[in-house]
N, C-alpha and C. Protein backbone atom coordinates (compact mmCIF):
# COMPACT_ATOMS: atom_id res chain seq x y z
N MET A 1 213.23 130.16 54.19
CA MET A 1 212.75 131.14 55.18
C MET A 1 211.22 131.36 55.08
N SER A 2 210.62 131.50 56.16
CA SER A 2 209.11 131.62 56.21
C SER A 2 208.89 133.15 55.98
N ALA A 3 207.70 133.39 55.33
CA ALA A 3 207.33 134.80 54.88
C ALA A 3 207.13 135.60 56.19
N ARG A 4 207.40 136.92 56.09
CA ARG A 4 207.05 137.82 57.25
C ARG A 4 205.67 137.94 57.47
N PRO A 5 205.24 138.08 58.72
CA PRO A 5 203.81 138.32 58.95
C PRO A 5 203.20 139.55 58.26
N ASP A 6 202.03 139.39 57.64
CA ASP A 6 201.36 140.39 57.02
C ASP A 6 201.00 141.57 57.88
N ARG A 7 201.42 142.79 57.61
CA ARG A 7 201.13 143.94 58.52
C ARG A 7 199.81 144.69 58.13
N THR A 8 199.03 144.08 57.30
CA THR A 8 197.70 144.69 56.92
C THR A 8 196.73 144.66 58.10
N PRO A 9 196.17 145.77 58.50
CA PRO A 9 195.13 145.71 59.65
C PRO A 9 193.93 144.96 59.16
N LEU A 10 193.39 144.13 60.08
CA LEU A 10 192.19 143.39 59.70
C LEU A 10 191.01 144.42 59.65
N PRO A 11 190.16 144.29 58.66
CA PRO A 11 189.05 145.20 58.51
C PRO A 11 187.97 144.88 59.43
N ARG A 12 186.86 145.68 59.51
CA ARG A 12 185.73 145.47 60.36
C ARG A 12 184.94 144.14 59.91
N SER A 13 184.93 143.90 58.57
CA SER A 13 184.24 142.84 58.01
C SER A 13 184.81 141.51 58.55
N PHE A 14 186.08 141.49 58.97
CA PHE A 14 186.68 140.25 59.56
C PHE A 14 185.93 139.81 60.72
N TYR A 15 185.58 140.82 61.61
CA TYR A 15 184.91 140.56 62.92
C TYR A 15 183.37 140.46 62.70
N ASP A 16 182.81 140.98 61.63
CA ASP A 16 181.45 140.97 61.44
C ASP A 16 181.00 139.51 60.77
N ARG A 17 181.25 138.49 61.51
CA ARG A 17 181.00 137.13 61.19
C ARG A 17 180.61 136.30 62.43
N PRO A 18 180.04 135.11 62.31
CA PRO A 18 179.73 134.31 63.44
C PRO A 18 181.00 134.08 64.27
N VAL A 19 180.82 134.06 65.56
CA VAL A 19 181.97 134.00 66.51
C VAL A 19 182.83 132.67 66.33
N LEU A 20 182.11 131.59 65.97
CA LEU A 20 182.85 130.33 65.72
C LEU A 20 183.69 130.28 64.49
N ASP A 21 183.43 131.24 63.58
CA ASP A 21 184.25 131.48 62.36
C ASP A 21 185.49 132.39 62.80
N VAL A 22 185.08 133.48 63.51
CA VAL A 22 186.27 134.46 63.77
C VAL A 22 187.25 133.84 64.74
N ALA A 23 186.91 133.15 65.79
CA ALA A 23 187.76 132.71 66.75
C ALA A 23 188.99 131.88 66.30
N PRO A 24 188.77 130.78 65.55
CA PRO A 24 189.94 130.08 65.10
C PRO A 24 190.83 130.90 64.05
N ASP A 25 190.10 131.82 63.41
CA ASP A 25 190.76 132.62 62.36
C ASP A 25 191.63 133.70 62.92
N LEU A 26 191.57 133.91 64.30
CA LEU A 26 192.45 134.93 65.02
C LEU A 26 193.75 134.30 65.29
N LEU A 27 193.91 132.97 65.36
CA LEU A 27 195.15 132.35 65.61
C LEU A 27 196.23 132.81 64.55
N GLY A 28 197.37 133.18 65.08
CA GLY A 28 198.52 133.54 64.17
C GLY A 28 198.49 135.08 63.89
N ARG A 29 197.32 135.75 64.20
CA ARG A 29 197.20 137.14 63.88
C ARG A 29 198.03 137.92 64.88
N THR A 30 198.33 139.17 64.55
CA THR A 30 199.27 140.02 65.44
C THR A 30 198.37 141.10 66.14
N LEU A 31 198.32 141.03 67.43
CA LEU A 31 197.73 142.08 68.22
C LEU A 31 198.71 143.14 68.59
N VAL A 32 198.34 144.40 68.26
CA VAL A 32 199.32 145.51 68.48
C VAL A 32 198.79 146.39 69.64
N ARG A 33 199.56 146.58 70.67
CA ARG A 33 199.21 147.49 71.82
C ARG A 33 200.18 148.65 71.75
N ARG A 34 199.68 149.90 71.54
CA ARG A 34 200.47 151.06 71.53
C ARG A 34 200.35 151.75 72.93
N THR A 35 201.48 151.95 73.63
CA THR A 35 201.53 152.51 74.96
C THR A 35 202.43 153.74 74.88
N PRO A 36 202.35 154.65 75.88
CA PRO A 36 203.28 155.81 75.98
C PRO A 36 204.79 155.37 76.09
N ASP A 37 205.06 154.22 76.58
CA ASP A 37 206.41 153.62 76.61
C ASP A 37 206.94 153.07 75.36
N GLY A 38 205.99 152.84 74.46
CA GLY A 38 206.41 152.19 73.23
C GLY A 38 205.39 150.98 72.89
N PRO A 39 205.45 150.54 71.59
CA PRO A 39 204.57 149.46 71.15
C PRO A 39 204.90 148.02 71.60
N LEU A 40 203.91 147.22 71.84
CA LEU A 40 204.10 145.83 71.92
C LEU A 40 203.24 145.07 70.99
N GLU A 41 203.80 143.97 70.51
CA GLU A 41 203.00 143.10 69.59
C GLU A 41 202.90 141.68 70.12
N LEU A 42 201.85 141.03 69.81
CA LEU A 42 201.62 139.70 70.34
C LEU A 42 201.11 138.77 69.24
N ARG A 43 201.61 137.63 69.03
CA ARG A 43 201.17 136.65 68.17
C ARG A 43 200.12 135.82 68.82
N ILE A 44 198.89 135.85 68.40
CA ILE A 44 197.76 135.19 69.10
C ILE A 44 197.85 133.67 68.91
N THR A 45 197.95 132.89 70.04
CA THR A 45 198.02 131.42 70.04
C THR A 45 196.94 130.66 70.62
N GLU A 46 196.06 131.29 71.39
CA GLU A 46 194.91 130.66 72.06
C GLU A 46 193.78 131.59 72.24
N VAL A 47 192.55 131.22 71.91
CA VAL A 47 191.43 131.95 72.09
C VAL A 47 190.22 131.07 72.58
N GLU A 48 189.14 131.83 73.03
CA GLU A 48 187.92 131.09 73.30
C GLU A 48 186.76 131.95 72.81
N ALA A 49 185.77 131.25 72.21
CA ALA A 49 184.61 131.91 71.70
C ALA A 49 183.44 131.99 72.69
N TYR A 50 182.74 132.94 72.72
CA TYR A 50 181.60 133.27 73.60
C TYR A 50 180.45 133.77 72.72
N ALA A 51 179.34 132.95 72.69
CA ALA A 51 178.33 133.31 71.70
C ALA A 51 177.06 134.04 72.28
N GLY A 52 177.36 135.09 73.06
CA GLY A 52 176.32 135.99 73.48
C GLY A 52 175.14 135.36 74.37
N GLU A 53 174.02 135.91 74.09
CA GLU A 53 172.78 135.52 74.89
C GLU A 53 172.37 134.02 74.74
N ALA A 54 172.97 133.33 73.75
CA ALA A 54 172.62 131.93 73.48
C ALA A 54 173.59 131.04 74.12
N ASP A 55 174.62 131.65 74.82
CA ASP A 55 175.71 130.78 75.48
C ASP A 55 175.75 131.07 76.90
N PRO A 56 175.57 129.95 77.79
CA PRO A 56 175.46 130.06 79.15
C PRO A 56 176.77 130.51 79.77
N GLY A 57 177.91 130.22 79.03
CA GLY A 57 179.22 130.75 79.52
C GLY A 57 179.56 132.10 79.28
N SER A 58 178.70 132.85 78.51
CA SER A 58 179.02 134.23 78.15
C SER A 58 178.43 135.21 79.21
N HIS A 59 179.24 136.32 79.33
CA HIS A 59 178.81 137.39 80.26
C HIS A 59 177.49 138.00 79.82
N ALA A 60 177.21 137.83 78.53
CA ALA A 60 175.90 138.44 77.91
C ALA A 60 174.67 137.50 78.05
N TYR A 61 174.78 136.33 78.67
CA TYR A 61 173.83 135.33 78.65
C TYR A 61 172.50 135.85 79.28
N ARG A 62 172.62 136.70 80.30
CA ARG A 62 171.44 137.23 80.99
C ARG A 62 171.05 138.66 80.54
N GLY A 63 171.66 139.07 79.41
CA GLY A 63 171.33 140.42 78.92
C GLY A 63 172.35 141.49 79.12
N ARG A 64 172.06 142.60 78.71
CA ARG A 64 172.98 143.76 78.74
C ARG A 64 173.12 144.39 80.17
N THR A 65 174.30 144.70 80.60
CA THR A 65 174.58 145.35 81.76
C THR A 65 175.62 146.49 81.50
N ALA A 66 175.93 147.29 82.52
CA ALA A 66 176.93 148.31 82.34
C ALA A 66 178.22 147.72 82.13
N ARG A 67 178.46 146.49 82.67
CA ARG A 67 179.77 145.85 82.50
C ARG A 67 180.00 145.29 81.23
N ASN A 68 178.94 144.65 80.63
CA ASN A 68 179.25 144.04 79.36
C ASN A 68 178.63 144.77 78.06
N ALA A 69 178.33 146.08 78.21
CA ALA A 69 177.73 146.83 77.14
C ALA A 69 178.40 146.87 75.88
N SER A 70 179.79 146.83 75.88
CA SER A 70 180.57 146.86 74.76
C SER A 70 180.37 145.61 73.80
N MET A 71 180.00 144.45 74.57
CA MET A 71 179.70 143.24 73.72
C MET A 71 178.59 143.45 72.81
N PHE A 72 177.65 144.31 73.13
CA PHE A 72 176.47 144.62 72.29
C PHE A 72 176.64 145.61 71.28
N GLY A 73 177.86 146.19 71.20
CA GLY A 73 178.10 147.24 70.20
C GLY A 73 178.46 146.65 68.89
N PRO A 74 179.01 147.44 67.99
CA PRO A 74 179.45 147.00 66.68
C PRO A 74 180.75 145.98 66.73
N PRO A 75 180.86 145.22 65.77
CA PRO A 75 181.98 144.37 65.73
C PRO A 75 183.29 145.20 65.55
N GLY A 76 184.35 144.52 65.93
CA GLY A 76 185.72 145.21 65.78
C GLY A 76 186.06 146.10 67.04
N HIS A 77 185.46 145.92 68.11
CA HIS A 77 185.81 146.65 69.27
C HIS A 77 186.30 145.80 70.40
N ALA A 78 186.88 146.42 71.42
CA ALA A 78 187.40 145.64 72.53
C ALA A 78 186.39 145.60 73.60
N TYR A 79 186.28 144.46 74.27
CA TYR A 79 185.53 144.27 75.58
C TYR A 79 186.53 143.94 76.57
N VAL A 80 186.74 144.72 77.61
CA VAL A 80 187.71 144.39 78.67
C VAL A 80 186.96 144.40 79.98
N TYR A 81 187.10 143.36 80.73
CA TYR A 81 186.45 143.12 81.96
C TYR A 81 187.34 142.83 83.12
N PHE A 82 186.97 143.08 84.36
CA PHE A 82 187.76 142.86 85.59
C PHE A 82 187.17 141.61 86.26
N ILE A 83 188.02 140.72 86.58
CA ILE A 83 187.60 139.46 87.14
C ILE A 83 188.26 139.12 88.36
N TYR A 84 187.57 138.45 89.33
CA TYR A 84 188.05 138.04 90.68
C TYR A 84 188.70 139.20 91.51
N GLY A 85 188.32 140.45 91.12
CA GLY A 85 188.82 141.63 91.84
C GLY A 85 190.31 141.97 91.66
N MET A 86 190.96 141.17 90.64
CA MET A 86 192.47 141.35 90.53
C MET A 86 192.85 141.56 89.05
N TRP A 87 192.17 140.96 88.09
CA TRP A 87 192.77 140.79 86.75
C TRP A 87 191.82 141.37 85.64
N PHE A 88 192.45 141.76 84.60
CA PHE A 88 191.59 142.15 83.46
C PHE A 88 191.74 141.10 82.30
N SER A 89 190.76 140.97 81.39
CA SER A 89 190.84 140.08 80.28
C SER A 89 190.33 140.91 79.02
N LEU A 90 190.89 140.51 77.91
CA LEU A 90 190.58 141.23 76.69
C LEU A 90 189.84 140.27 75.71
N ASN A 91 188.72 140.82 75.24
CA ASN A 91 187.83 140.18 74.33
C ASN A 91 187.70 141.05 73.05
N LEU A 92 187.56 140.48 71.87
CA LEU A 92 187.37 141.12 70.63
C LEU A 92 185.81 140.89 70.28
N VAL A 93 185.10 141.90 70.14
CA VAL A 93 183.66 141.83 69.79
C VAL A 93 183.46 141.43 68.37
N CYS A 94 182.58 140.51 68.10
CA CYS A 94 182.36 140.14 66.62
C CYS A 94 180.87 139.82 66.48
N GLY A 95 180.54 139.56 65.20
CA GLY A 95 179.15 139.26 64.90
C GLY A 95 178.36 140.60 64.68
N PRO A 96 177.02 140.56 64.45
CA PRO A 96 176.36 141.81 64.14
C PRO A 96 176.14 142.65 65.38
N GLU A 97 176.02 143.84 65.31
CA GLU A 97 175.66 144.67 66.53
C GLU A 97 174.47 144.20 67.23
N GLY A 98 174.48 144.14 68.53
CA GLY A 98 173.34 143.78 69.29
C GLY A 98 173.43 142.23 69.72
N HIS A 99 174.29 141.51 68.91
CA HIS A 99 174.36 139.98 69.18
C HIS A 99 175.20 139.67 70.29
N ALA A 100 176.22 140.48 70.72
CA ALA A 100 176.98 140.32 71.97
C ALA A 100 177.82 139.11 71.99
N SER A 101 178.37 138.72 70.81
CA SER A 101 179.33 137.63 70.88
C SER A 101 180.81 138.29 70.90
N GLY A 102 181.79 137.41 71.31
CA GLY A 102 183.16 137.95 71.44
C GLY A 102 184.12 136.83 71.55
N VAL A 103 185.36 137.05 71.33
CA VAL A 103 186.52 136.12 71.42
C VAL A 103 187.47 136.59 72.51
N LEU A 104 187.67 135.74 73.50
CA LEU A 104 188.55 136.03 74.59
C LEU A 104 189.94 135.59 74.16
N LEU A 105 190.90 136.50 74.27
CA LEU A 105 192.31 136.23 73.89
C LEU A 105 192.96 135.59 75.14
N ARG A 106 193.21 134.39 75.06
CA ARG A 106 193.79 133.60 76.24
C ARG A 106 195.31 133.62 76.24
N ALA A 107 195.97 133.51 75.18
CA ALA A 107 197.42 133.52 75.25
C ALA A 107 198.07 134.05 73.94
N GLY A 108 199.35 134.30 74.07
CA GLY A 108 200.08 134.60 72.88
C GLY A 108 201.61 134.72 73.16
N GLU A 109 202.37 134.94 72.11
CA GLU A 109 203.79 135.19 72.06
C GLU A 109 204.09 136.61 71.81
N ILE A 110 204.79 137.20 72.78
CA ILE A 110 205.25 138.65 72.62
C ILE A 110 206.39 138.67 71.53
N THR A 111 206.13 139.27 70.43
CA THR A 111 207.08 139.31 69.38
C THR A 111 207.84 140.69 69.26
N VAL A 112 207.15 141.74 69.92
CA VAL A 112 207.82 143.21 69.89
C VAL A 112 207.58 143.62 71.30
N GLY A 113 208.50 144.30 71.90
CA GLY A 113 208.29 144.92 73.15
C GLY A 113 208.43 143.99 74.37
N ALA A 114 209.10 142.87 74.25
CA ALA A 114 209.19 141.98 75.38
C ALA A 114 209.93 142.63 76.62
N ASP A 115 210.70 143.51 76.43
CA ASP A 115 211.36 144.31 77.51
C ASP A 115 210.27 145.05 78.30
N LEU A 116 209.36 145.61 77.62
CA LEU A 116 208.25 146.29 78.34
C LEU A 116 207.41 145.30 79.02
N ALA A 117 207.11 144.18 78.38
CA ALA A 117 206.15 143.17 79.09
C ALA A 117 206.87 142.60 80.27
N ARG A 118 208.14 142.34 80.22
CA ARG A 118 208.89 141.80 81.39
C ARG A 118 208.82 142.75 82.58
N LYS A 119 208.82 143.98 82.49
CA LYS A 119 208.67 144.90 83.59
C LYS A 119 207.39 144.75 84.17
N ARG A 120 206.29 144.38 83.49
CA ARG A 120 205.00 144.22 84.08
C ARG A 120 204.70 142.80 84.45
N ARG A 121 205.50 141.85 84.10
CA ARG A 121 205.38 140.40 84.38
C ARG A 121 206.69 139.87 85.07
N LEU A 122 206.93 140.40 86.19
CA LEU A 122 208.18 140.14 86.83
C LEU A 122 208.32 138.63 87.30
N SER A 123 207.08 138.03 87.50
CA SER A 123 207.07 136.65 87.98
C SER A 123 207.29 135.66 86.83
N ALA A 124 207.22 136.13 85.63
CA ALA A 124 207.35 135.17 84.51
C ALA A 124 208.79 134.54 84.46
N ARG A 125 208.91 133.24 84.45
CA ARG A 125 210.11 132.56 84.50
C ARG A 125 210.74 132.49 83.11
N SER A 126 210.11 132.80 82.04
CA SER A 126 210.64 132.87 80.72
C SER A 126 209.71 133.72 79.85
N ASP A 127 210.22 134.14 78.68
CA ASP A 127 209.37 134.92 77.78
C ASP A 127 208.07 134.11 77.37
N LYS A 128 208.18 132.76 77.29
CA LYS A 128 207.06 132.01 76.95
C LYS A 128 205.81 132.12 77.81
N GLU A 129 206.14 132.58 79.10
CA GLU A 129 205.15 132.75 80.06
C GLU A 129 204.61 134.20 80.17
N LEU A 130 205.16 135.18 79.41
CA LEU A 130 204.70 136.52 79.52
C LEU A 130 203.21 136.70 79.36
N ALA A 131 202.71 135.99 78.36
CA ALA A 131 201.20 136.21 78.01
C ALA A 131 200.55 134.76 77.97
N LYS A 132 200.93 133.83 78.83
CA LYS A 132 200.36 132.55 78.95
C LYS A 132 199.18 132.44 79.84
N GLY A 133 197.97 132.91 79.39
CA GLY A 133 196.85 132.97 80.04
C GLY A 133 196.28 134.35 79.95
N PRO A 134 194.88 134.53 80.04
CA PRO A 134 194.30 135.91 79.75
C PRO A 134 194.64 137.01 80.59
N ALA A 135 194.83 136.67 81.92
CA ALA A 135 195.17 137.69 82.90
C ALA A 135 196.68 138.14 82.61
N ARG A 136 197.50 137.19 82.35
CA ARG A 136 198.91 137.49 82.04
C ARG A 136 199.01 138.28 80.82
N LEU A 137 198.24 137.92 79.86
CA LEU A 137 198.29 138.65 78.58
C LEU A 137 197.83 140.13 78.76
N ALA A 138 196.89 140.32 79.49
CA ALA A 138 196.36 141.71 79.79
C ALA A 138 197.40 142.53 80.50
N THR A 139 198.04 141.85 81.63
CA THR A 139 199.03 142.44 82.42
C THR A 139 200.19 142.86 81.55
N ALA A 140 200.79 141.89 80.81
CA ALA A 140 201.98 142.10 79.88
C ALA A 140 201.76 143.32 79.01
N LEU A 141 200.59 143.43 78.42
CA LEU A 141 200.31 144.44 77.39
C LEU A 141 199.68 145.71 77.96
N ASP A 142 199.55 145.79 79.34
CA ASP A 142 199.07 147.02 79.93
C ASP A 142 197.62 147.33 79.58
N ILE A 143 196.77 146.31 79.54
CA ILE A 143 195.38 146.36 79.22
C ILE A 143 194.54 146.47 80.50
N ASP A 144 193.59 147.47 80.53
CA ASP A 144 192.69 147.58 81.71
C ASP A 144 191.33 148.16 81.09
N ARG A 145 190.49 148.43 82.05
CA ARG A 145 189.08 148.80 81.68
C ARG A 145 189.06 150.15 80.91
N SER A 146 190.11 150.90 80.92
CA SER A 146 190.20 152.17 80.14
C SER A 146 190.15 151.93 78.66
N LEU A 147 190.58 150.75 78.35
CA LEU A 147 190.45 150.29 76.92
C LEU A 147 189.17 149.70 76.43
N ASP A 148 188.27 149.44 77.39
CA ASP A 148 186.96 148.80 76.98
C ASP A 148 186.28 149.73 75.93
N GLY A 149 185.86 149.10 74.90
CA GLY A 149 185.14 149.83 73.79
C GLY A 149 186.13 150.34 72.77
N THR A 150 187.36 150.19 72.92
CA THR A 150 188.34 150.68 71.86
C THR A 150 188.03 150.10 70.49
N ASP A 151 188.04 150.97 69.57
CA ASP A 151 187.85 150.59 68.13
C ASP A 151 189.16 149.94 67.57
N LEU A 152 189.15 148.65 67.31
CA LEU A 152 190.29 147.91 66.78
C LEU A 152 190.59 148.36 65.27
N CYS A 153 189.60 148.95 64.66
CA CYS A 153 189.74 149.29 63.19
C CYS A 153 190.01 150.82 63.06
N ALA A 154 190.40 151.51 64.07
CA ALA A 154 190.48 152.97 63.90
C ALA A 154 191.85 153.40 63.30
N GLY A 155 192.74 152.40 63.06
CA GLY A 155 194.03 152.82 62.51
C GLY A 155 195.07 152.98 63.47
N PRO A 156 196.29 153.52 62.98
CA PRO A 156 197.38 153.63 63.80
C PRO A 156 197.29 154.58 65.09
N THR A 157 196.21 155.30 65.14
CA THR A 157 196.05 156.19 66.38
C THR A 157 195.33 155.36 67.48
N SER A 158 194.90 154.19 67.16
CA SER A 158 194.15 153.43 68.19
C SER A 158 195.21 152.78 69.13
N PRO A 159 194.85 152.68 70.37
CA PRO A 159 195.93 151.94 71.33
C PRO A 159 195.81 150.41 71.13
N LEU A 160 194.79 149.87 70.36
CA LEU A 160 194.76 148.44 70.06
C LEU A 160 194.34 148.20 68.65
N SER A 161 194.98 147.27 67.97
CA SER A 161 194.59 146.92 66.68
C SER A 161 195.09 145.50 66.37
N VAL A 162 194.53 144.92 65.39
CA VAL A 162 194.99 143.52 64.94
C VAL A 162 195.45 143.51 63.53
N LEU A 163 196.63 142.99 63.32
CA LEU A 163 197.11 142.97 61.85
C LEU A 163 196.91 141.33 61.37
N ALA A 164 197.01 141.36 60.08
CA ALA A 164 196.70 139.97 59.45
C ALA A 164 197.72 138.86 59.89
N GLY A 165 198.86 139.29 60.18
CA GLY A 165 199.80 138.28 60.76
C GLY A 165 200.02 137.12 59.79
N THR A 166 200.15 135.93 60.28
CA THR A 166 200.24 134.68 59.55
C THR A 166 199.22 133.73 60.03
N PRO A 167 198.06 133.58 59.30
CA PRO A 167 197.03 132.72 59.69
C PRO A 167 197.53 131.33 59.82
N VAL A 168 196.94 130.49 60.70
CA VAL A 168 197.29 129.17 60.99
C VAL A 168 196.50 128.23 60.23
N PRO A 169 197.13 127.21 59.60
CA PRO A 169 196.32 126.31 58.77
C PRO A 169 195.43 125.40 59.72
N ALA A 170 194.43 124.92 59.27
CA ALA A 170 193.38 124.17 60.10
C ALA A 170 193.95 122.99 60.62
N ASP A 171 194.89 122.27 60.03
CA ASP A 171 195.41 121.15 60.67
C ASP A 171 196.43 121.36 61.77
N GLN A 172 196.79 122.58 62.05
CA GLN A 172 197.50 122.97 63.15
C GLN A 172 196.82 123.57 64.33
N VAL A 173 195.47 123.53 64.22
CA VAL A 173 194.62 124.09 65.29
C VAL A 173 193.96 122.99 66.10
N SER A 174 194.04 123.05 67.43
CA SER A 174 193.39 122.13 68.27
C SER A 174 192.10 122.79 68.80
N VAL A 175 191.08 121.99 69.20
CA VAL A 175 189.82 122.37 69.60
C VAL A 175 189.37 121.61 70.79
N GLY A 176 188.81 122.36 71.78
CA GLY A 176 188.41 121.72 72.96
C GLY A 176 187.57 122.56 73.87
N PRO A 177 187.08 122.11 75.09
CA PRO A 177 186.24 122.93 75.93
C PRO A 177 186.91 124.04 76.54
N ARG A 178 186.15 125.14 76.85
CA ARG A 178 186.66 126.34 77.46
C ARG A 178 187.20 126.06 78.88
N THR A 179 188.26 126.87 79.26
CA THR A 179 188.79 126.65 80.58
C THR A 179 187.88 127.40 81.65
N GLY A 180 187.66 126.57 82.68
CA GLY A 180 186.91 127.21 83.89
C GLY A 180 185.52 127.47 83.67
N VAL A 181 184.83 126.98 82.57
CA VAL A 181 183.48 127.26 82.31
C VAL A 181 182.60 126.05 82.83
N GLY A 182 181.65 126.37 83.60
CA GLY A 182 180.83 125.31 84.25
C GLY A 182 179.36 125.30 83.62
N GLY A 183 178.44 124.53 84.38
CA GLY A 183 177.11 124.48 83.81
C GLY A 183 176.88 123.90 82.44
N SER A 184 175.81 124.34 81.87
CA SER A 184 175.54 123.66 80.49
C SER A 184 176.43 124.14 79.35
N GLY A 185 177.34 125.05 79.62
CA GLY A 185 178.25 125.54 78.65
C GLY A 185 179.67 124.92 78.81
N ALA A 186 179.74 124.04 79.84
CA ALA A 186 181.09 123.46 80.19
C ALA A 186 181.82 122.69 79.14
N HIS A 187 180.98 122.01 78.17
CA HIS A 187 181.58 121.06 77.29
C HIS A 187 181.52 121.61 75.84
N HIS A 188 181.16 122.92 75.70
CA HIS A 188 181.15 123.51 74.32
C HIS A 188 182.53 123.54 73.80
N PRO A 189 182.76 122.98 72.58
CA PRO A 189 184.19 123.03 72.10
C PRO A 189 184.54 124.40 71.44
N TYR A 190 184.61 125.36 72.22
CA TYR A 190 184.77 126.78 71.82
C TYR A 190 186.10 127.31 72.07
N ARG A 191 187.12 126.46 72.53
CA ARG A 191 188.49 126.92 72.69
C ARG A 191 189.33 126.36 71.69
N TYR A 192 190.15 127.32 71.11
CA TYR A 192 191.04 126.98 69.96
C TYR A 192 192.46 127.46 70.28
N TRP A 193 193.39 126.53 69.88
CA TRP A 193 194.85 126.91 70.14
C TRP A 193 195.71 126.28 69.11
N ILE A 194 196.81 126.86 68.97
CA ILE A 194 197.92 126.42 68.00
C ILE A 194 198.52 125.15 68.65
N THR A 195 198.33 124.00 67.96
CA THR A 195 198.80 122.78 68.51
C THR A 195 200.34 122.84 68.95
N HIS A 196 200.51 122.34 70.17
CA HIS A 196 201.93 122.24 70.64
C HIS A 196 202.73 123.61 70.84
N ASP A 197 201.93 124.63 70.71
CA ASP A 197 202.59 125.96 70.92
C ASP A 197 202.97 126.15 72.37
N PRO A 198 204.26 126.50 72.76
CA PRO A 198 204.63 126.56 74.21
C PRO A 198 204.05 127.74 74.98
N THR A 199 203.45 128.67 74.28
CA THR A 199 202.73 129.76 75.03
C THR A 199 201.30 129.51 75.36
N VAL A 200 200.78 128.44 74.89
CA VAL A 200 199.26 128.15 75.18
C VAL A 200 199.13 127.77 76.68
N SER A 201 198.12 128.26 77.36
CA SER A 201 197.79 128.09 78.72
C SER A 201 197.28 126.70 78.95
N PRO A 202 197.60 126.12 80.23
CA PRO A 202 197.00 124.78 80.50
C PRO A 202 195.49 124.80 80.65
N TYR A 203 194.83 123.68 80.27
CA TYR A 203 193.36 123.59 80.43
C TYR A 203 193.13 123.28 81.87
N ARG A 204 192.03 123.98 82.46
CA ARG A 204 191.56 123.74 83.75
C ARG A 204 190.03 123.50 83.74
N ALA A 205 189.55 122.45 84.22
CA ALA A 205 188.04 122.32 84.17
C ALA A 205 187.44 123.14 85.34
N HIS A 206 186.19 123.53 85.20
CA HIS A 206 185.51 124.36 86.15
C HIS A 206 185.46 123.66 87.54
N THR A 207 185.73 124.43 88.54
CA THR A 207 185.74 123.99 89.97
C THR A 207 184.70 124.83 90.70
N PRO A 208 183.52 124.21 91.07
CA PRO A 208 182.57 125.04 91.84
C PRO A 208 183.17 125.56 93.15
N ARG A 209 182.65 126.77 93.39
CA ARG A 209 183.23 127.47 94.64
C ARG A 209 182.42 126.88 95.85
N ARG A 210 183.08 126.64 96.85
CA ARG A 210 182.43 126.14 98.04
C ARG A 210 181.88 127.40 98.84
N ARG A 211 180.61 127.22 99.23
CA ARG A 211 179.94 128.27 100.09
C ARG A 211 180.50 128.16 101.53
N SER A 212 180.81 129.24 102.03
CA SER A 212 181.30 129.23 103.51
C SER A 212 180.08 129.01 104.40
N THR A 213 180.32 128.36 105.46
CA THR A 213 179.29 128.06 106.43
C THR A 213 179.28 128.95 107.63
């Protein structure tokens, strides 16, 4: 039998490292979302790294705004943003305060609270699809902008935290370009996922938007 996932909360020092070290190290960890209806837990299976103002693919590339302010704060906090006028995405802030790097949680396996997730993800054809993609993950876990800036290290009273879980060996981690990122950041190998895991989202290259005439 495999060992049970470690329930120890990740300390702030875990996040206070370079983003390219934190991102793959998040695979296999347990994201806990505490809601009024009960807790949900997710085993993280796919992530993307964004390296702040040095990264053309990052929201922080052009500096601090009201939208991305949480990215410039201390490590171990959540950055939640609204995209395409429809969906939310969850990022975990890492690196030193002011550096604005973060890890986007792209996909995971719901291990606790799947009944709650199903109510929010009625279009999911199976439990493997409940959190297969960043928007689906946020929807399944009831994550929105109200959680932006949440301290992941505040303990059991926090609505979001990350437990040690079961880290994934390096030989089981795949690396590639980020989904949907264009321009000079398109080919950065900043996407990490658990090889062959069925909850990982499909890769899609950036498609430039056509301007209306």
